[in-house]
Protein backbone atom coordinates (compact mmCIF):
# COMPACT_ATOMS: atom_id res chain seq x y z
CA MET A 1 7.74 11.52 -9.85
CA MET A 2 4.34 10.48 -11.21
CA LYS A 3 1.88 13.34 -11.37
CA ASN A 4 -1.58 13.15 -9.85
CA ILE A 5 -3.59 14.00 -12.96
CA LYS A 6 -6.80 14.47 -10.99
CA GLU A 7 -5.31 17.19 -8.78
CA ASP A 8 -3.54 19.15 -11.55
CA GLU A 9 -6.07 21.58 -13.06
CA ARG A 10 -4.48 21.74 -16.52
CA LEU A 11 -3.83 18.00 -16.78
CA ASN A 12 -7.30 17.28 -15.45
CA LYS A 13 -8.86 19.33 -18.24
CA LEU A 14 -6.52 17.81 -20.84
CA ASN A 15 -7.31 14.23 -19.81
CA HIS A 16 -11.04 14.90 -19.55
CA SER A 17 -10.97 16.16 -23.12
CA CYS A 18 -8.85 13.22 -24.26
CA ALA A 19 -11.45 10.81 -22.88
CA HIS A 20 -13.93 12.39 -25.32
CA LEU A 21 -11.36 12.13 -28.10
CA LEU A 22 -11.08 8.42 -27.35
CA ALA A 23 -14.87 8.01 -27.44
CA GLN A 24 -15.10 9.87 -30.76
CA ALA A 25 -12.41 7.61 -32.30
CA VAL A 26 -14.15 4.48 -31.00
CA LYS A 27 -17.45 5.74 -32.45
CA HIS A 28 -15.78 6.16 -35.85
CA LEU A 29 -14.40 2.61 -35.74
CA TYR A 30 -17.40 1.01 -34.04
CA PRO A 31 -20.49 3.03 -35.06
CA HIS A 32 -22.76 0.96 -32.78
CA ALA A 33 -20.70 1.81 -29.65
CA LYS A 34 -22.45 3.35 -26.65
CA PHE A 35 -20.67 5.08 -23.77
CA TRP A 36 -21.26 5.08 -20.03
CA VAL A 37 -18.78 7.37 -18.19
CA GLY A 38 -15.26 8.63 -18.90
CA PRO A 39 -13.81 10.26 -15.79
CA VAL A 40 -10.37 11.61 -15.01
CA ILE A 41 -8.45 9.50 -12.49
CA GLU A 42 -5.11 9.96 -10.74
CA GLU A 43 -3.30 8.09 -13.51
CA GLY A 44 -5.08 9.68 -16.50
CA PHE A 45 -8.56 8.75 -17.71
CA TYR A 46 -10.75 5.88 -18.81
CA TYR A 47 -13.98 5.38 -20.71
CA ASP A 48 -16.50 2.57 -20.18
CA ILE A 49 -17.90 1.39 -23.50
CA ASP A 50 -20.66 -0.99 -24.62
CA LEU A 51 -19.64 -2.61 -27.91
CA GLY A 52 -22.18 -5.39 -27.93
CA GLU A 53 -20.55 -8.54 -29.28
CA ASP A 54 -17.32 -6.81 -30.35
CA VAL A 55 -14.27 -7.11 -28.12
CA ILE A 56 -11.39 -4.62 -28.09
CA LYS A 57 -8.03 -6.28 -27.47
CA GLU A 58 -4.71 -4.74 -26.49
CA GLU A 59 -3.51 -4.93 -30.11
CA ASP A 60 -6.54 -2.84 -31.19
CA LEU A 61 -5.47 0.15 -29.11
CA GLU A 62 -2.91 1.22 -31.72
CA THR A 63 -5.67 1.46 -34.35
CA ILE A 64 -7.79 3.58 -32.01
CA GLU A 65 -4.79 5.83 -31.28
CA LYS A 66 -4.29 6.43 -35.02
CA GLU A 67 -7.90 7.50 -35.36
CA MET A 68 -7.53 9.80 -32.34
CA LYS A 69 -4.48 11.47 -33.94
CA LYS A 70 -6.40 11.91 -37.18
CA ILE A 71 -9.23 13.65 -35.33
CA SER A 72 -6.76 15.80 -33.39
CA LYS A 73 -5.06 17.00 -36.58
CA ASP A 74 -8.46 18.02 -37.94
CA GLY A 75 -8.47 20.63 -35.17
CA LYS A 76 -12.18 20.96 -34.45
CA ARG A 77 -13.22 23.34 -31.68
CA ILE A 78 -14.79 21.87 -28.54
CA VAL A 79 -18.07 23.69 -27.92
CA ARG A 80 -20.16 23.63 -24.74
CA GLU A 81 -23.95 23.74 -24.87
CA GLU A 82 -26.36 23.90 -21.94
CA LEU A 83 -29.61 21.95 -22.22
CA SER A 84 -32.95 21.83 -20.52
CA LEU A 85 -34.06 18.48 -19.15
CA GLU A 86 -36.41 18.00 -22.11
CA GLU A 87 -33.71 18.96 -24.64
CA ALA A 88 -31.22 16.57 -23.03
CA LEU A 89 -33.68 13.67 -23.05
CA GLU A 90 -34.49 14.35 -26.71
CA LYS A 91 -30.85 14.76 -27.81
CA PHE A 92 -29.72 11.49 -26.19
CA LYS A 93 -32.94 9.50 -26.63
CA GLU A 94 -31.12 6.77 -28.57
CA ASP A 95 -28.50 6.31 -25.83
CA PRO A 96 -29.80 4.42 -22.73
CA TYR A 97 -26.60 5.14 -20.80
CA LYS A 98 -26.90 8.93 -21.16
CA ILE A 99 -30.62 8.77 -20.39
CA ASP A 100 -29.76 6.89 -17.19
CA LEU A 101 -27.24 9.59 -16.24
CA ILE A 102 -29.76 12.34 -16.90
CA HIS A 103 -32.46 10.65 -14.80
CA HIS A 104 -30.03 10.30 -11.87
CA MET A 105 -28.93 13.93 -11.84
CA GLU A 106 -29.86 15.94 -8.78
CA GLU A 107 -32.66 18.44 -9.19
CA GLY A 108 -31.31 21.81 -10.29
CA THR A 109 -28.21 20.37 -11.98
CA VAL A 110 -27.10 22.36 -15.02
CA ILE A 111 -27.14 19.85 -17.88
CA SER A 112 -24.46 20.41 -20.49
CA CYS A 113 -22.90 18.63 -23.43
CA TYR A 114 -19.72 19.14 -25.43
CA MET A 115 -19.53 18.95 -29.23
CA GLN A 116 -16.42 18.37 -31.32
CA GLY A 117 -17.09 17.86 -35.00
CA ASP A 118 -19.36 14.86 -35.52
CA PHE A 119 -19.30 13.80 -31.84
CA THR A 120 -21.40 15.06 -28.94
CA ASP A 121 -21.14 13.81 -25.38
CA LEU A 122 -23.06 14.58 -22.20
CA CYS A 123 -20.58 16.16 -19.78
CA ARG A 124 -20.24 18.93 -17.20
CA GLY A 125 -16.64 19.71 -18.31
CA PRO A 126 -14.44 21.63 -18.35
CA HIS A 127 -12.54 20.93 -21.57
CA VAL A 128 -9.74 22.43 -23.63
CA GLU A 129 -10.60 24.79 -26.48
CA SER A 130 -9.80 22.48 -29.39
CA VAL A 131 -8.96 18.85 -30.12
CA LYS A 132 -5.73 20.22 -31.64
CA GLU A 133 -4.40 20.55 -28.06
CA LEU A 134 -4.71 16.77 -27.61
CA LYS A 135 -1.48 15.64 -29.27
CA HIS A 136 0.56 13.74 -26.70
CA PHE A 137 -1.48 10.80 -25.44
CA LYS A 138 -1.21 7.06 -25.02
CA LEU A 139 -3.81 4.34 -24.56
CA LEU A 140 -2.50 2.09 -21.81
CA LYS A 141 -4.76 -0.94 -21.44
CA VAL A 142 -8.25 -2.34 -21.83
CA SER A 143 -10.17 -4.33 -19.24
CA GLY A 144 -13.68 -5.32 -18.24
CA ALA A 145 -15.84 -3.23 -15.92
CA TYR A 146 -19.35 -3.91 -14.68
CA PHE A 147 -21.98 -1.29 -15.45
CA LYS A 148 -22.16 1.00 -12.39
CA GLY A 149 -19.52 -1.21 -10.74
CA ASP A 150 -22.16 -3.79 -9.84
CA SER A 151 -21.31 -7.44 -10.58
CA LYS A 152 -25.02 -8.09 -11.07
CA ASN A 153 -24.97 -5.84 -14.16
CA HIS A 154 -23.55 -6.59 -17.58
CA MET A 155 -19.88 -6.14 -18.44
CA LEU A 156 -18.58 -3.09 -20.32
CA GLN A 157 -15.13 -2.55 -21.80
CA ARG A 158 -12.91 0.03 -20.10
CA ILE A 159 -10.08 1.68 -22.02
CA TYR A 160 -7.44 3.54 -19.99
CA GLY A 161 -5.29 6.37 -21.32
CA ILE A 162 -3.10 9.32 -20.39
CA CYS A 163 -2.50 12.73 -21.97
CA PHE A 164 0.14 15.44 -21.45
CA ASP A 165 0.96 18.84 -22.91
CA THR A 166 4.42 17.77 -24.14
CA ILE A 167 5.94 14.64 -25.64
CA GLU A 168 8.70 14.87 -23.01
CA ASP A 169 6.18 14.64 -20.15
CA LEU A 170 4.42 11.74 -21.83
CA GLU A 171 7.64 9.79 -22.42
CA ALA A 172 8.81 10.44 -18.85
CA HIS A 173 5.47 9.16 -17.52
CA LEU A 174 5.58 6.05 -19.70
CA GLN A 175 9.12 5.39 -18.47
CA GLU A 176 7.87 5.63 -14.88
CA LEU A 177 5.10 3.17 -15.70
CA GLU A 178 7.70 0.71 -17.00
CA GLU A 179 9.73 1.22 -13.85
CA ALA A 180 6.58 0.59 -11.80
CA LYS A 181 6.00 -2.68 -13.65
CA GLU A 182 9.55 -3.81 -12.89
CA ARG A 183 9.07 -2.98 -9.22
CA ASP A 184 5.53 -4.35 -8.86
CA HIS A 185 5.67 -6.41 -5.67
CA ARG A 186 3.07 -8.82 -7.06
CA LYS A 187 5.29 -9.76 -10.00
CA ILE A 188 8.46 -9.94 -7.90
CA GLY A 189 6.59 -11.87 -5.20
CA LYS A 190 5.64 -14.48 -7.78
CA ASP A 191 9.10 -14.60 -9.40
CA LEU A 192 10.85 -15.06 -6.04
CA SER A 193 8.15 -17.32 -4.53
CA LEU A 194 7.42 -14.91 -1.66
CA PHE A 195 3.63 -15.12 -1.48
CA MET A 196 0.62 -16.34 -3.41
CA SER A 197 -3.15 -16.04 -3.49
CA HIS A 198 -5.85 -18.52 -4.37
CA ASP A 199 -9.56 -18.16 -5.08
CA LEU A 200 -10.29 -21.04 -2.72
CA VAL A 201 -8.85 -18.98 0.13
CA GLY A 202 -10.34 -15.69 -1.06
CA LYS A 203 -9.39 -12.29 -2.43
CA GLY A 204 -7.16 -10.20 -0.21
CA MET A 205 -6.06 -13.26 1.78
CA PRO A 206 -2.39 -13.78 0.82
CA LEU A 207 -0.52 -16.97 1.64
CA TRP A 208 3.08 -16.34 2.69
CA LEU A 209 5.38 -18.90 1.05
CA PRO A 210 8.58 -20.09 2.78
CA ASN A 211 10.76 -17.34 1.26
CA GLY A 212 8.27 -14.61 2.16
CA ALA A 213 7.76 -16.08 5.62
CA LEU A 214 11.52 -15.88 6.22
CA ILE A 215 11.51 -12.18 5.31
CA ARG A 216 8.54 -11.51 7.56
CA LYS A 217 10.19 -13.39 10.41
CA GLN A 218 13.31 -11.21 10.10
CA LEU A 219 11.11 -8.10 10.28
CA GLU A 220 9.28 -9.48 13.31
CA ASN A 221 12.55 -10.34 15.10
CA TYR A 222 13.97 -6.91 14.29
CA ILE A 223 11.09 -4.84 15.62
CA TYR A 224 10.49 -7.20 18.58
CA GLU A 225 14.03 -6.60 19.83
CA LYS A 226 13.67 -2.85 19.30
CA GLU A 227 10.46 -2.79 21.30
CA ARG A 228 11.72 -5.05 24.09
CA SER A 229 14.72 -2.77 24.59
CA LEU A 230 12.27 0.13 25.05
CA GLY A 231 10.22 -1.62 27.70
CA TYR A 232 7.37 -3.05 25.62
CA GLN A 233 5.58 -6.14 26.91
CA HIS A 234 4.24 -8.43 24.21
CA VAL A 235 1.00 -10.39 24.37
CA TYR A 236 -1.11 -12.75 22.26
CA THR A 237 -4.84 -12.14 21.99
CA PRO A 238 -7.64 -13.84 19.97
CA CYS A 239 -8.36 -12.72 16.42
CA VAL A 240 -12.10 -12.71 17.17
CA GLY A 241 -14.19 -10.85 19.71
CA THR A 242 -17.82 -10.61 20.66
CA VAL A 243 -20.04 -7.96 19.17
CA ASP A 244 -20.40 -6.57 22.69
CA LEU A 245 -16.64 -5.98 22.83
CA TYR A 246 -16.85 -3.74 19.76
CA LYS A 247 -20.02 -2.06 20.98
CA THR A 248 -18.12 -1.14 24.13
CA SER A 249 -15.17 0.21 22.15
CA GLY A 250 -17.40 2.07 19.69
CA HIS A 251 -16.14 0.23 16.61
CA TRP A 252 -19.54 -1.38 16.07
CA ASP A 253 -21.13 2.06 15.63
CA HIS A 254 -18.30 3.80 13.79
CA TYR A 255 -16.37 1.09 11.91
CA GLN A 256 -18.86 -1.70 11.19
CA GLU A 257 -18.83 -1.19 7.41
CA ASN A 258 -15.13 -2.12 7.40
CA MET A 259 -15.69 -5.30 9.44
CA PHE A 260 -16.55 -8.82 8.34
CA PRO A 261 -20.13 -9.96 9.06
CA MET A 262 -21.14 -11.18 12.47
CA MET A 263 -21.20 -14.93 13.14
CA LYS A 264 -23.25 -16.65 15.82
CA VAL A 265 -21.80 -19.48 17.90
CA ASP A 266 -23.54 -20.99 20.96
CA GLU A 267 -25.82 -17.99 21.33
CA GLU A 268 -22.82 -15.62 21.28
CA GLU A 269 -22.23 -13.14 18.45
CA PHE A 270 -18.64 -12.85 17.23
CA VAL A 271 -16.76 -10.87 14.60
CA LEU A 272 -13.27 -11.14 13.19
CA ARG A 273 -11.35 -8.34 14.85
CA PRO A 274 -10.44 -5.34 12.69
CA MET A 275 -7.95 -4.00 15.26
CA ASN A 276 -6.45 -4.90 18.61
CA CYS A 277 -7.11 -1.95 20.90
CA PRO A 278 -10.21 -3.42 22.61
CA HIS A 279 -8.26 -6.57 23.54
CA HIS A 280 -5.36 -4.52 24.86
CA MET A 281 -7.72 -2.38 26.94
CA LEU A 282 -8.84 -5.58 28.67
CA VAL A 283 -5.24 -6.71 29.17
CA TYR A 284 -4.47 -3.42 30.93
CA GLY A 285 -7.66 -3.68 32.99
CA ASN A 286 -6.76 -7.16 34.19
CA SER A 287 -4.85 -5.77 37.16
CA LEU A 288 -4.65 -2.67 39.33
CA HIS A 289 -2.12 0.02 38.42
CA SER A 290 -0.40 2.84 40.23
CA TYR A 291 0.95 5.98 38.57
CA ARG A 292 4.37 4.44 39.29
CA ASP A 293 3.58 1.59 36.86
CA LEU A 294 2.94 3.93 33.94
CA PRO A 295 3.78 4.09 31.14
CA ILE A 296 2.71 0.53 30.33
CA ARG A 297 3.53 -0.45 26.75
CA ILE A 298 1.60 -3.47 25.40
CA GLY A 299 2.70 -4.78 21.99
CA GLU A 300 1.45 -7.53 19.71
CA PHE A 301 2.01 -8.91 16.21
CA ALA A 302 -1.70 -9.31 15.66
CA GLN A 303 -3.70 -10.84 12.83
CA ASP A 304 -6.58 -8.54 11.90
CA PHE A 305 -9.37 -8.67 9.33
CA ARG A 306 -10.93 -5.76 7.48
CA TYR A 307 -13.32 -5.76 4.58
CA GLU A 308 -11.75 -4.22 1.48
CA ALA A 309 -13.75 -4.01 -1.75
CA SER A 310 -12.61 -6.71 -4.15
CA GLY A 311 -11.48 -4.08 -6.65
CA ALA A 312 -9.22 -2.45 -4.05
CA VAL A 313 -7.25 -5.51 -2.89
CA LYS A 314 -3.70 -5.57 -4.22
CA GLY A 315 -1.07 -8.19 -3.41
CA LEU A 316 0.29 -7.52 0.08
CA GLU A 317 -0.37 -3.79 -0.13
CA ARG A 318 -4.15 -3.85 0.29
CA VAL A 319 -5.42 -7.01 1.97
CA ARG A 320 -8.37 -8.27 3.99
CA CYS A 321 -6.22 -10.30 6.38
CA MET A 322 -3.19 -8.48 7.79
CA CYS A 323 -0.68 -8.65 10.61
CA GLN A 324 -0.20 -5.39 12.46
CA ASN A 325 2.94 -4.31 14.27
CA ASP A 326 0.67 -2.90 16.93
CA ALA A 327 1.14 -1.46 20.42
CA HIS A 328 -0.83 0.54 22.96
CA LEU A 329 0.89 2.80 25.45
CA PHE A 330 -1.02 3.59 28.64
CA VAL A 331 0.26 6.87 30.07
CA THR A 332 -0.59 9.68 32.48
CA PRO A 333 -1.47 13.03 30.88
CA GLU A 334 1.95 14.34 31.95
CA GLN A 335 3.69 11.52 30.08
CA ILE A 336 2.03 12.14 26.69
CA GLY A 337 4.82 14.37 25.40
CA ASP A 338 7.73 12.12 26.39
CA GLU A 339 6.06 8.94 25.13
CA PHE A 340 5.00 10.53 21.87
CA LYS A 341 8.56 11.74 21.36
CA LYS A 342 9.87 8.20 21.97
CA VAL A 343 7.47 6.80 19.37
CA VAL A 344 8.64 9.35 16.79
CA ALA A 345 12.26 8.57 17.67
CA LEU A 346 11.60 4.84 17.16
CA ILE A 347 9.99 5.53 13.77
CA LEU A 348 12.99 7.59 12.66
CA ASP A 349 15.42 4.96 13.96
CA VAL A 350 13.66 2.24 11.97
CA TYR A 351 13.57 4.40 8.84
CA LYS A 352 17.30 4.98 9.17
CA ASP A 353 17.96 1.23 9.31
CA PHE A 354 15.88 0.69 6.16
CA GLY A 355 17.28 3.67 4.29
CA ILE A 356 13.91 5.46 4.16
CA LYS A 357 14.68 9.14 3.61
CA GLU A 358 11.66 10.67 1.86
CA TYR A 359 8.73 11.03 4.23
CA LYS A 360 6.50 13.66 5.80
CA PHE A 361 4.31 13.90 8.88
CA ARG A 362 0.55 14.36 8.60
CA LEU A 363 -1.58 15.43 11.56
CA SER A 364 -4.95 13.78 10.89
CA LEU A 365 -7.82 15.64 12.50
CA ARG A 366 -11.60 15.38 12.84
CA ASP A 367 -13.76 17.23 10.33
CA PRO A 368 -15.72 19.69 12.50
CA LEU A 369 -18.33 20.05 9.73
CA ASP A 370 -18.95 16.30 9.47
CA LYS A 371 -18.93 14.87 12.99
CA GLU A 372 -21.18 11.88 12.31
CA LYS A 373 -18.37 9.33 11.88
CA TYR A 374 -16.53 10.48 15.03
CA PHE A 375 -17.27 9.98 18.71
CA ASP A 376 -19.37 12.92 19.84
CA ASP A 377 -17.40 14.79 22.49
CA ASP A 378 -16.18 18.23 21.38
CA ALA A 379 -14.24 18.88 24.57
CA MET A 380 -12.35 15.61 24.23
CA TRP A 381 -11.52 16.31 20.56
CA ASN A 382 -10.33 19.83 21.25
CA GLU A 383 -8.13 18.62 24.11
CA ALA A 384 -6.66 15.76 22.06
CA GLU A 385 -5.99 17.82 18.92
CA ASN A 386 -4.48 20.73 20.82
CA LYS A 387 -2.29 18.32 22.81
CA LEU A 388 -0.92 16.74 19.64
CA ARG A 389 -0.20 20.13 18.06
CA GLU A 390 1.52 21.23 21.26
CA VAL A 391 3.69 18.10 21.34
CA LEU A 392 4.62 18.30 17.64
CA ASP A 393 5.42 22.00 17.87
CA SER A 394 7.58 21.44 20.94
CA PHE A 395 9.62 18.84 19.03
CA GLY A 396 10.07 21.16 16.05
CA ILE A 397 8.60 18.52 13.70
CA ASP A 398 7.40 19.78 10.33
CA TYR A 399 3.90 18.52 9.63
CA TYR A 400 0.74 19.42 7.77
CA GLU A 401 -2.85 19.05 8.91
CA ALA A 402 -5.40 16.77 7.17
CA ILE A 403 -9.01 17.48 8.11
CA GLY A 404 -11.28 14.44 8.22
CA GLU A 405 -8.52 11.81 8.41
CA ALA A 406 -8.64 11.11 12.16
CA ALA A 407 -9.70 7.81 13.72
CA PHE A 408 -13.21 7.87 15.20
CA TYR A 409 -11.78 8.06 18.73
CA GLY A 410 -8.98 10.59 18.31
CA PRO A 411 -6.47 12.49 16.16
CA LYS A 412 -3.33 10.81 14.90
CA LEU A 413 0.08 11.40 13.40
CA ASP A 414 0.61 9.52 10.14
CA VAL A 415 3.96 9.18 8.38
CA GLU A 416 3.62 9.30 4.61
CA VAL A 417 6.55 7.70 2.83
CA LYS A 418 7.50 8.31 -0.81
CA PRO A 419 8.20 4.95 -2.48
CA ALA A 420 10.43 4.43 -5.50
CA VAL A 421 7.37 4.64 -7.76
CA GLY A 422 3.75 5.60 -7.30
CA PRO A 423 1.94 7.78 -4.77
CA GLU A 424 2.90 8.20 -1.12
CA VAL A 425 1.94 5.42 1.28
CA THR A 426 1.20 5.64 4.98
CA LEU A 427 3.44 3.25 6.91
CA SER A 428 3.70 4.40 10.51
CA THR A 429 1.03 5.95 12.71
CA CYS A 430 0.58 7.15 16.29
CA GLN A 431 -2.89 8.01 17.59
CA LEU A 432 -3.89 9.88 20.74
CA ASP A 433 -6.92 8.44 22.54
CA PHE A 434 -8.81 9.84 25.53
CA LEU A 435 -11.97 7.87 24.69
CA LEU A 436 -11.40 4.10 24.83
CA PRO A 437 -9.89 4.11 28.34
CA ARG A 438 -13.11 5.77 29.54
CA ARG A 439 -15.35 3.32 27.69
CA PHE A 440 -13.53 0.35 29.23
CA ASP A 441 -13.49 2.02 32.66
CA LEU A 442 -9.70 1.88 32.94
CA SER A 443 -7.91 3.60 35.76
CA TYR A 444 -4.74 4.01 37.80
CA ILE A 445 -4.16 5.32 41.34
CA ASP A 446 -2.52 8.74 41.26
CA LYS A 447 -0.07 10.24 43.74
CA ASP A 448 -2.86 11.67 45.89
CA GLY A 449 -4.68 8.33 46.04
CA SER A 450 -7.38 9.38 43.56
CA LYS A 451 -8.52 7.17 40.71
CA GLN A 452 -7.58 8.61 37.31
CA VAL A 453 -8.17 7.53 33.70
CA PRO A 454 -5.03 6.83 31.63
CA VAL A 455 -4.49 8.22 28.14
CA VAL A 456 -3.64 5.73 25.38
CA LEU A 457 -1.26 6.11 22.46
CA HIS A 458 -2.05 3.66 19.65
CA ARG A 459 1.04 3.17 17.51
CA ALA A 460 2.26 1.00 14.65
CA ILE A 461 5.82 1.42 13.40
CA PHE A 462 5.73 -0.85 10.33
CA GLY A 463 1.97 -0.37 10.03
CA THR A 464 1.30 -3.90 8.88
CA PHE A 465 3.98 -6.44 8.02
CA ASP A 466 2.07 -7.02 4.80
CA ARG A 467 2.21 -3.44 3.51
CA PHE A 468 5.74 -2.88 4.78
CA THR A 469 6.93 -6.01 2.97
CA ALA A 470 5.23 -4.84 -0.24
CA PHE A 471 7.00 -1.50 0.17
CA LEU A 472 10.32 -3.22 0.82
CA ILE A 473 9.96 -5.49 -2.23
CA GLU A 474 9.34 -2.53 -4.51
CA GLU A 475 12.12 -0.42 -2.98
CA THR A 476 14.72 -3.16 -3.46
CA LYS A 477 13.23 -4.77 -6.60
CA GLY A 478 13.51 -8.00 -4.61
CA ALA A 479 17.27 -7.61 -4.05
CA PHE A 480 16.96 -7.60 -0.27
CA PRO A 481 19.79 -6.59 2.05
CA LEU A 482 21.78 -9.51 3.43
CA TRP A 483 20.16 -9.48 6.88
CA ILE A 484 16.62 -9.80 5.43
CA ALA A 485 17.17 -12.00 2.36
CA PRO A 486 15.49 -15.42 2.58
CA THR A 487 18.64 -17.04 1.17
CA GLN A 488 21.72 -15.08 2.15
CA VAL A 489 24.41 -17.18 0.47
CA VAL A 490 24.42 -19.75 -2.32
CA VAL A 491 27.46 -22.07 -2.56
CA ILE A 492 28.36 -23.23 -6.08
CA PRO A 493 31.15 -25.75 -6.72
CA VAL A 494 32.78 -25.34 -10.13
CA SER A 495 32.56 -29.10 -10.47
CA ASP A 496 30.58 -31.23 -8.06
CA GLU A 497 32.76 -34.22 -8.93
CA HIS A 498 36.00 -32.49 -7.90
CA HIS A 499 34.90 -29.78 -5.47
CA GLY A 500 31.58 -31.03 -4.12
CA GLU A 501 32.99 -32.24 -0.80
CA TYR A 502 34.57 -28.85 -0.06
CA ALA A 503 31.31 -27.09 -1.07
CA GLU A 504 29.34 -29.26 1.36
CA GLU A 505 31.87 -28.49 4.08
CA ILE A 506 31.54 -24.73 3.52
CA THR A 507 27.75 -24.96 3.38
CA SER A 508 27.63 -26.81 6.72
CA TRP A 509 30.11 -24.37 8.24
CA LEU A 510 27.98 -21.37 7.25
CA LYS A 511 24.78 -23.00 8.49
CA GLU A 512 26.44 -23.66 11.84
CA ALA A 513 27.25 -19.94 11.94
CA ASN A 514 23.47 -19.36 11.57
CA TYR A 515 23.41 -18.13 7.97
CA ARG A 516 20.67 -19.05 5.50
CA VAL A 517 22.56 -21.00 2.85
CA GLU A 518 21.78 -23.08 -0.24
CA LEU A 519 24.13 -25.50 -2.00
CA ASP A 520 23.72 -25.61 -5.78
CA HIS A 521 25.61 -28.68 -6.97
CA ARG A 522 23.25 -29.58 -9.79
CA ASN A 523 24.63 -31.13 -12.92
CA GLU A 524 24.41 -27.86 -14.83
CA LYS A 525 27.06 -25.61 -16.34
CA LEU A 526 28.69 -23.12 -13.96
CA GLY A 527 27.46 -20.14 -16.01
CA TYR A 528 23.86 -21.36 -15.82
CA ARG A 529 24.01 -21.74 -12.04
CA LEU A 530 25.62 -18.31 -11.62
CA ARG A 531 22.92 -16.69 -13.75
CA GLU A 532 20.21 -18.41 -11.74
CA ALA A 533 21.71 -17.08 -8.49
CA GLN A 534 21.41 -13.60 -10.00
CA THR A 535 17.83 -14.28 -11.11
CA LYS A 536 16.95 -15.30 -7.55
CA LYS A 537 18.69 -12.10 -6.36
CA ILE A 538 20.71 -13.95 -3.71
CA PRO A 539 23.03 -11.37 -2.06
CA VAL A 540 26.23 -13.48 -2.00
CA THR A 541 27.37 -16.25 -4.32
CA VAL A 542 30.30 -18.39 -3.17
CA ILE A 543 32.27 -20.06 -6.02
CA LEU A 544 34.56 -22.93 -5.08
CA GLY A 545 37.08 -24.45 -7.46
CA GLU A 546 40.47 -26.13 -7.44
CA GLN A 547 42.37 -23.16 -5.98
CA GLU A 548 39.88 -22.51 -3.18
CA GLN A 549 39.86 -26.17 -2.19
CA LYS A 550 43.65 -26.33 -2.17
CA ASP A 551 44.07 -23.08 -0.15
CA GLN A 552 40.98 -23.64 2.02
CA THR A 553 39.73 -20.17 1.01
CA ILE A 554 36.50 -18.58 -0.21
CA SER A 555 35.78 -16.77 -3.48
CA TYR A 556 32.53 -14.81 -3.60
CA ARG A 557 30.57 -12.50 -5.85
CA LEU A 558 27.91 -10.00 -4.75
CA PHE A 559 24.52 -9.70 -6.43
CA GLY A 560 24.65 -7.40 -9.45
CA GLU A 561 28.45 -7.50 -9.67
CA LYS A 562 30.83 -9.42 -11.92
CA ASP A 563 34.03 -9.12 -9.90
CA THR A 564 35.01 -11.99 -7.60
CA THR A 565 36.78 -11.51 -4.25
CA SER A 566 38.95 -14.16 -2.61
CA CYS A 567 39.67 -14.31 1.12
CA SER A 568 40.12 -16.63 4.07
CA LYS A 569 37.10 -18.27 5.64
CA GLU A 570 37.46 -16.13 8.74
CA GLU A 571 37.61 -12.92 6.68
CA PHE A 572 34.49 -14.00 4.79
CA LEU A 573 32.60 -14.66 8.00
CA ASN A 574 33.65 -11.27 9.39
CA TYR A 575 32.54 -9.60 6.18
CA LEU A 576 29.07 -11.14 6.39
CA GLN A 577 28.73 -10.26 10.05
CA GLU A 578 29.75 -6.63 9.44
CA ARG A 579 27.19 -6.22 6.65
CA ILE A 580 24.45 -7.63 8.84
CA GLU A 581 25.35 -5.58 11.92
CA LYS A 582 25.46 -2.36 9.91
CA ARG A 583 22.27 -3.38 8.02
CA ARG A 584 23.93 -2.37 4.77
């Protein structure tokens, strides 16, 4: 499991020191180099460097590493020195980057620098005692980075690295990085033609190609049937709304920085919707309701738009245009427990079908010391948070609390899933909301004839189809289970001239049985076509030759296996159906 360097005190100190070691080595090799910042990050460290006209390439990193090892063997102590403002400005007067840092420090900040041999760097620390402790490191990559992260500024060069206490930890981490590369959904998505992006469309706006669209459709069909069986009613609502809609909901005041800019049409002000709850509030409010009608479960596969910084967008995992597996459950206060339990049960049922076993529940709460980003109603927050704790405790669900992670309108339960590589990701969520029903003046008639305000559970089982698909790609390395795979079976005749007619017959027969089938009767060698079926990660390859044609049988090979199984056509069909029904 990859370690979070930033959160591990020892590794944090080690990597912070190694960033300085990198800078010292670069200064030896490029005496004119100037340095901006070199922070510790979750995956190690980096340093932003101004080299003028010189450009460091990937092949240059080995040379820099050699110089770092040479400095490390020299074993100089790392010494901290505190400076007055005047001393700091004098010491770094030849370095505009350090002068800029000094001028932007808050009043009263203790200014310090660290010295190791012939290199001194402005830094608050802490660091290890000696460069001799910095033995097991690796420079990972080099890229461009704008000064202060602003595209209006000039470009610096950013070198990334990682450092550990032992060679074993370093090698294990590098092996995990290689595994992460193999599982990267962006690479697999390109190799298997699942999705693409294009600058003309925009960053964070993926285009689902036919193969990816087939996968997404299977996911949509799967969760739609699950929800319908549980009494959900599905709707379609517009992917835009007026500014007034989001002022009513509160998103305009509390979520505007995550929304796309307003657009004016015919004197009306519109925005691309970031979420669907305001629309669903209006759907509920379209008719009168009795307590007998509740719970009302409104679901939608809804296209939403949220502004993500260009540096944060990543394939299908972090996007600006997404499709949520969204639903809003309108319940009486007495029904909160039962409905919440049903949502958790649905989450666990879905995870079982997808083989997701490593996950934990996080209760996301308001930060009572920083209430500005939350709706201001202490009584409502206390009621909502206590109700969620009560429900979770009554179910016996293990969870931990995360202060400051709530939505602006209420606390929520997030499910954090451990993927095959990388940090945990949040897939499913269920939020408790006493606020929005009030703001939209929603009601139902209670048993005594009084008008009451319903409570709303916001829930998303897959989260977004985009992120869930990215997760699924990386979990399976693109070798999807039979029921999800875009192409389930490929039919390959040994010789198209002699067995092509039988291959076409089998292909048509499987298509009539509603399987997704391809026929590969190209004029290529059998071995080449078999290898390509493996490259495309097609679950089942049917191979038809003289014997199969004569006996009217099927021979097939599963992805990743070399053995071939022969059976009757009926047995083959039963085998496929069993695998799909059991979601194996």
